[in-house]
N, C-alpha and C. Protein backbone atom coordinates (compact mmCIF):
# COMPACT_ATOMS: atom_id res chain seq x y z
N MET A 1 17.30 30.20 36.92
CA MET A 1 16.38 31.22 36.40
C MET A 1 17.20 32.24 35.62
N GLN A 2 16.74 32.54 34.44
CA GLN A 2 17.41 33.50 33.57
C GLN A 2 16.95 34.93 33.89
N LEU A 3 17.76 35.91 33.52
CA LEU A 3 17.46 37.31 33.83
C LEU A 3 16.10 37.73 33.28
N LYS A 4 15.77 37.36 32.07
CA LYS A 4 14.51 37.77 31.46
C LYS A 4 13.32 37.27 32.29
N THR A 5 13.36 36.02 32.69
CA THR A 5 12.29 35.42 33.49
C THR A 5 12.24 36.05 34.87
N LEU A 6 13.40 36.24 35.48
CA LEU A 6 13.50 36.84 36.81
C LEU A 6 12.93 38.26 36.79
N ARG A 7 13.37 39.05 35.84
CA ARG A 7 12.91 40.44 35.73
C ARG A 7 11.40 40.49 35.53
N ALA A 8 10.87 39.65 34.66
CA ALA A 8 9.43 39.62 34.41
C ALA A 8 8.66 39.28 35.69
N TYR A 9 9.17 38.31 36.46
CA TYR A 9 8.48 37.94 37.70
C TYR A 9 8.53 39.09 38.71
N LEU A 10 9.69 39.69 38.87
CA LEU A 10 9.82 40.80 39.81
C LEU A 10 8.86 41.94 39.45
N LEU A 11 8.80 42.28 38.18
CA LEU A 11 7.97 43.40 37.74
C LEU A 11 6.48 43.06 37.69
N SER A 12 6.15 41.78 37.85
CA SER A 12 4.73 41.40 37.89
C SER A 12 4.09 41.67 39.24
N ARG A 13 4.89 41.98 40.24
CA ARG A 13 4.34 42.32 41.56
C ARG A 13 3.65 43.68 41.44
N PRO A 14 2.50 43.86 42.09
CA PRO A 14 1.76 45.13 42.00
C PRO A 14 2.62 46.32 42.43
N GLY A 15 2.66 47.34 41.59
CA GLY A 15 3.39 48.57 41.90
C GLY A 15 4.89 48.48 41.71
N ALA A 16 5.41 47.36 41.23
CA ALA A 16 6.86 47.19 41.09
C ALA A 16 7.39 48.04 39.94
N THR A 17 8.53 48.67 40.18
CA THR A 17 9.23 49.46 39.17
C THR A 17 10.71 49.11 39.21
N GLU A 18 11.40 49.38 38.12
CA GLU A 18 12.83 49.09 38.08
C GLU A 18 13.62 50.38 37.97
N ASP A 19 14.86 50.29 38.45
CA ASP A 19 15.76 51.44 38.44
C ASP A 19 17.18 50.89 38.43
N ARG A 20 18.13 51.75 38.14
CA ARG A 20 19.54 51.37 38.17
C ARG A 20 20.35 52.47 38.88
N PRO A 21 20.02 52.75 40.15
CA PRO A 21 20.70 53.84 40.85
C PRO A 21 22.16 53.56 41.19
N PHE A 22 22.56 52.30 41.16
CA PHE A 22 23.93 51.92 41.53
C PHE A 22 24.80 51.65 40.32
N GLY A 23 24.31 51.95 39.13
CA GLY A 23 25.07 51.74 37.90
C GLY A 23 24.41 50.72 37.00
N PRO A 24 24.95 50.57 35.79
CA PRO A 24 24.30 49.73 34.78
C PRO A 24 24.29 48.24 35.08
N GLN A 25 25.12 47.77 35.98
CA GLN A 25 25.21 46.34 36.26
C GLN A 25 24.29 45.87 37.38
N THR A 26 23.56 46.81 38.00
CA THR A 26 22.73 46.44 39.14
C THR A 26 21.28 46.89 38.90
N LEU A 27 20.41 45.91 38.78
CA LEU A 27 18.98 46.15 38.60
C LEU A 27 18.32 46.20 39.97
N VAL A 28 17.63 47.29 40.24
CA VAL A 28 16.96 47.48 41.53
C VAL A 28 15.46 47.50 41.27
N ILE A 29 14.72 46.68 42.01
CA ILE A 29 13.27 46.62 41.88
C ILE A 29 12.67 47.18 43.17
N LYS A 30 11.74 48.13 42.99
CA LYS A 30 11.13 48.82 44.13
C LYS A 30 9.62 48.69 44.07
N VAL A 31 9.01 48.85 45.22
CA VAL A 31 7.56 49.01 45.31
C VAL A 31 7.34 50.33 46.05
N ARG A 32 6.67 51.25 45.38
CA ARG A 32 6.40 52.59 45.93
C ARG A 32 7.68 53.22 46.48
N GLY A 33 8.78 53.08 45.74
CA GLY A 33 10.04 53.73 46.10
C GLY A 33 10.90 52.98 47.08
N LYS A 34 10.45 51.82 47.58
CA LYS A 34 11.24 51.04 48.55
C LYS A 34 11.76 49.78 47.87
N ILE A 35 13.04 49.52 48.05
CA ILE A 35 13.69 48.38 47.41
C ILE A 35 13.22 47.07 48.01
N PHE A 36 12.86 46.10 47.13
CA PHE A 36 12.59 44.75 47.60
C PHE A 36 13.46 43.71 46.91
N ALA A 37 14.20 44.11 45.86
CA ALA A 37 15.11 43.17 45.20
C ALA A 37 16.23 43.94 44.52
N ILE A 38 17.42 43.38 44.62
CA ILE A 38 18.60 43.93 43.94
C ILE A 38 19.24 42.77 43.17
N VAL A 39 19.38 42.94 41.86
CA VAL A 39 19.92 41.89 41.01
C VAL A 39 21.25 42.34 40.42
N SER A 40 22.28 41.56 40.67
CA SER A 40 23.58 41.78 40.00
C SER A 40 23.48 41.07 38.66
N ASP A 41 22.99 41.80 37.66
CA ASP A 41 22.63 41.13 36.41
C ASP A 41 23.81 40.85 35.49
N GLU A 42 25.01 41.27 35.85
CA GLU A 42 26.19 40.89 35.07
C GLU A 42 26.95 39.74 35.73
N ALA A 43 26.52 39.34 36.93
CA ALA A 43 27.15 38.21 37.61
C ALA A 43 26.77 36.92 36.89
N VAL A 44 27.71 36.00 36.85
CA VAL A 44 27.45 34.68 36.25
C VAL A 44 27.85 33.64 37.29
N PRO A 45 26.86 32.92 37.86
CA PRO A 45 25.42 33.07 37.69
C PRO A 45 24.91 34.33 38.38
N LEU A 46 23.66 34.67 38.09
CA LEU A 46 23.03 35.86 38.66
C LEU A 46 22.99 35.79 40.19
N ASP A 47 23.06 36.95 40.81
CA ASP A 47 22.84 37.09 42.25
C ASP A 47 21.64 37.99 42.45
N ILE A 48 20.82 37.68 43.45
CA ILE A 48 19.70 38.53 43.82
C ILE A 48 19.69 38.69 45.33
N SER A 49 19.50 39.91 45.79
CA SER A 49 19.39 40.18 47.22
C SER A 49 17.93 40.48 47.53
N LEU A 50 17.44 39.84 48.59
CA LEU A 50 16.02 39.92 48.96
C LEU A 50 15.86 40.09 50.46
N LYS A 51 14.87 40.85 50.85
CA LYS A 51 14.55 41.03 52.26
C LYS A 51 13.90 39.76 52.79
N CYS A 52 14.11 39.49 54.09
CA CYS A 52 13.62 38.24 54.68
C CYS A 52 13.44 38.44 56.18
N GLU A 53 12.47 37.74 56.75
CA GLU A 53 12.34 37.72 58.21
C GLU A 53 13.65 37.15 58.78
N PRO A 54 14.19 37.72 59.85
CA PRO A 54 15.49 37.28 60.35
C PRO A 54 15.62 35.78 60.61
N ALA A 55 14.65 35.16 61.27
CA ALA A 55 14.76 33.72 61.56
C ALA A 55 14.72 32.91 60.27
N HIS A 56 13.88 33.32 59.34
CA HIS A 56 13.78 32.62 58.06
C HIS A 56 15.05 32.82 57.24
N ALA A 57 15.62 34.03 57.31
CA ALA A 57 16.88 34.31 56.60
C ALA A 57 17.96 33.34 57.05
N GLN A 58 18.08 33.15 58.36
CA GLN A 58 19.09 32.23 58.88
C GLN A 58 18.79 30.79 58.49
N PHE A 59 17.53 30.40 58.54
CA PHE A 59 17.14 29.05 58.11
C PHE A 59 17.56 28.81 56.67
N LEU A 60 17.30 29.76 55.78
CA LEU A 60 17.67 29.61 54.37
C LEU A 60 19.19 29.50 54.19
N ARG A 61 19.93 30.30 54.95
CA ARG A 61 21.41 30.24 54.89
C ARG A 61 21.92 28.89 55.35
N ASP A 62 21.29 28.36 56.39
CA ASP A 62 21.70 27.05 56.90
C ASP A 62 21.31 25.92 55.96
N SER A 63 20.26 26.13 55.16
CA SER A 63 19.72 25.08 54.29
C SER A 63 20.34 25.05 52.91
N PHE A 64 20.78 26.19 52.41
CA PHE A 64 21.25 26.28 51.02
C PHE A 64 22.60 27.01 50.94
N PRO A 65 23.62 26.37 50.39
CA PRO A 65 24.91 27.06 50.21
C PRO A 65 24.80 28.30 49.31
N ALA A 66 23.80 28.35 48.44
CA ALA A 66 23.64 29.49 47.53
C ALA A 66 23.07 30.73 48.21
N VAL A 67 22.64 30.58 49.47
CA VAL A 67 22.07 31.71 50.22
C VAL A 67 23.07 32.14 51.28
N ARG A 68 23.36 33.43 51.28
CA ARG A 68 24.32 33.97 52.25
C ARG A 68 23.82 35.34 52.72
N PRO A 69 24.42 35.88 53.78
CA PRO A 69 23.99 37.19 54.27
C PRO A 69 24.06 38.24 53.16
N GLY A 70 23.14 39.18 53.19
CA GLY A 70 23.04 40.21 52.15
C GLY A 70 24.34 40.96 51.93
N TYR A 71 24.74 41.05 50.68
CA TYR A 71 25.97 41.73 50.30
C TYR A 71 25.75 43.24 50.39
N HIS A 72 26.52 43.91 51.24
CA HIS A 72 26.41 45.36 51.47
C HIS A 72 25.03 45.77 51.98
N LEU A 73 24.36 44.88 52.70
CA LEU A 73 23.02 45.15 53.22
C LEU A 73 22.96 44.72 54.68
N ASN A 74 21.87 45.05 55.35
CA ASN A 74 21.66 44.62 56.73
C ASN A 74 21.58 43.09 56.73
N LYS A 75 22.58 42.46 57.28
CA LYS A 75 22.71 41.00 57.19
C LYS A 75 21.68 40.25 58.02
N GLU A 76 21.01 40.93 58.92
CA GLU A 76 19.94 40.30 59.69
C GLU A 76 18.67 40.16 58.84
N HIS A 77 18.44 41.12 57.97
CA HIS A 77 17.18 41.18 57.23
C HIS A 77 17.28 40.90 55.73
N TRP A 78 18.47 40.75 55.21
CA TRP A 78 18.65 40.55 53.77
C TRP A 78 19.53 39.35 53.48
N ASN A 79 19.16 38.60 52.46
CA ASN A 79 19.97 37.50 51.95
C ASN A 79 20.35 37.80 50.50
N THR A 80 21.52 37.35 50.12
CA THR A 80 21.92 37.35 48.71
C THR A 80 21.92 35.91 48.27
N VAL A 81 21.24 35.65 47.16
CA VAL A 81 21.05 34.29 46.65
C VAL A 81 21.70 34.18 45.28
N THR A 82 22.57 33.19 45.12
CA THR A 82 23.15 32.92 43.81
C THR A 82 22.22 31.99 43.06
N LEU A 83 21.82 32.40 41.87
CA LEU A 83 20.87 31.62 41.07
C LEU A 83 21.64 30.61 40.22
N ASP A 84 22.14 29.59 40.91
CA ASP A 84 22.98 28.57 40.27
C ASP A 84 22.22 27.26 40.02
N ASP A 85 20.90 27.32 40.06
CA ASP A 85 20.01 26.17 39.87
C ASP A 85 20.02 25.18 41.03
N SER A 86 20.67 25.54 42.14
CA SER A 86 20.64 24.65 43.30
C SER A 86 19.33 24.82 44.10
N ILE A 87 18.61 25.89 43.83
CA ILE A 87 17.30 26.14 44.44
C ILE A 87 16.30 26.20 43.29
N ALA A 88 15.21 25.45 43.42
CA ALA A 88 14.19 25.42 42.36
C ALA A 88 13.60 26.82 42.17
N ASP A 89 13.14 27.08 40.95
CA ASP A 89 12.54 28.38 40.65
C ASP A 89 11.39 28.71 41.58
N ASP A 90 10.60 27.71 41.97
CA ASP A 90 9.51 27.95 42.92
C ASP A 90 10.04 28.49 44.24
N GLY A 91 11.18 27.98 44.68
CA GLY A 91 11.80 28.47 45.91
C GLY A 91 12.27 29.90 45.77
N ILE A 92 12.84 30.25 44.63
CA ILE A 92 13.27 31.62 44.37
C ILE A 92 12.06 32.55 44.34
N ARG A 93 10.99 32.12 43.66
CA ARG A 93 9.78 32.93 43.61
C ARG A 93 9.20 33.14 45.02
N ALA A 94 9.25 32.12 45.86
CA ALA A 94 8.76 32.25 47.24
C ALA A 94 9.59 33.28 48.01
N MET A 95 10.89 33.29 47.80
CA MET A 95 11.75 34.28 48.46
C MET A 95 11.43 35.69 47.96
N ILE A 96 11.20 35.83 46.66
CA ILE A 96 10.82 37.12 46.08
C ILE A 96 9.49 37.59 46.68
N ASP A 97 8.54 36.68 46.75
CA ASP A 97 7.22 37.02 47.30
C ASP A 97 7.33 37.47 48.76
N GLU A 98 8.17 36.81 49.54
CA GLU A 98 8.35 37.21 50.94
C GLU A 98 8.95 38.60 51.01
N SER A 99 9.97 38.86 50.20
CA SER A 99 10.61 40.17 50.20
C SER A 99 9.60 41.25 49.83
N TYR A 100 8.85 41.01 48.79
CA TYR A 100 7.83 41.97 48.36
C TYR A 100 6.81 42.21 49.48
N ARG A 101 6.32 41.12 50.08
CA ARG A 101 5.33 41.22 51.15
C ARG A 101 5.85 42.05 52.32
N LEU A 102 7.10 41.81 52.71
CA LEU A 102 7.68 42.55 53.84
C LEU A 102 7.81 44.03 53.52
N VAL A 103 8.29 44.35 52.33
CA VAL A 103 8.48 45.75 51.97
C VAL A 103 7.14 46.44 51.74
N ALA A 104 6.25 45.81 51.00
CA ALA A 104 4.93 46.41 50.77
C ALA A 104 4.17 46.57 52.09
N GLY A 105 4.36 45.63 53.00
CA GLY A 105 3.71 45.70 54.30
C GLY A 105 4.22 46.83 55.19
N SER A 106 5.40 47.35 54.86
CA SER A 106 5.96 48.46 55.65
C SER A 106 5.51 49.83 55.13
N LEU A 107 4.80 49.83 54.01
CA LEU A 107 4.29 51.08 53.45
C LEU A 107 3.14 51.61 54.30
N SER A 108 2.82 52.87 54.10
CA SER A 108 1.69 53.46 54.80
C SER A 108 0.42 52.72 54.42
N LYS A 109 -0.58 52.81 55.27
CA LYS A 109 -1.87 52.15 54.98
C LYS A 109 -2.45 52.66 53.66
N ALA A 110 -2.33 53.95 53.39
CA ALA A 110 -2.85 54.51 52.14
C ALA A 110 -2.12 53.91 50.94
N ALA A 111 -0.79 53.78 51.03
CA ALA A 111 -0.03 53.19 49.92
C ALA A 111 -0.38 51.72 49.75
N GLN A 112 -0.59 51.02 50.85
CA GLN A 112 -0.99 49.61 50.76
C GLN A 112 -2.36 49.47 50.09
N GLN A 113 -3.26 50.37 50.40
CA GLN A 113 -4.59 50.33 49.78
C GLN A 113 -4.51 50.62 48.28
N ARG A 114 -3.63 51.56 47.89
CA ARG A 114 -3.44 51.84 46.46
C ARG A 114 -2.89 50.62 45.75
N LEU A 115 -1.97 49.90 46.40
CA LEU A 115 -1.42 48.67 45.80
C LEU A 115 -2.51 47.62 45.66
N ALA A 116 -3.33 47.48 46.68
CA ALA A 116 -4.40 46.49 46.64
C ALA A 116 -5.37 46.81 45.51
N GLY A 117 -5.59 48.08 45.24
CA GLY A 117 -6.46 48.48 44.15
C GLY A 117 -5.84 48.24 42.80
N ALA A 118 -4.50 48.14 42.74
CA ALA A 118 -3.80 47.92 41.46
C ALA A 118 -3.79 46.47 41.05
N GLU A 119 -4.12 45.56 41.98
CA GLU A 119 -4.07 44.13 41.66
C GLU A 119 -5.16 43.72 40.71
């Protein structure tokens, strides 16, 4: 998956915004101010860090060499995935969707309702 396609998919999630709080080489995607994806967009191949249910995070690490514990993140809840084409784009999108769902689900009920209205 190329950066342009990845960025477009990330920003297509309801309420998603982008920021670069860690410098120009790191794209951060948030929903209502909470991070759900971090992209090292100067890495070749690209790396993306995504939130994940702990058991599923470990399953993905055991299943794919491109998935490893989150870099500089809570390793129980975050994975860093190298986008080296070893995982199909549908699989990457599913990981993004899970991360978004987990983070959006942790928002207040009022914020969740505002997101639902934005869809």
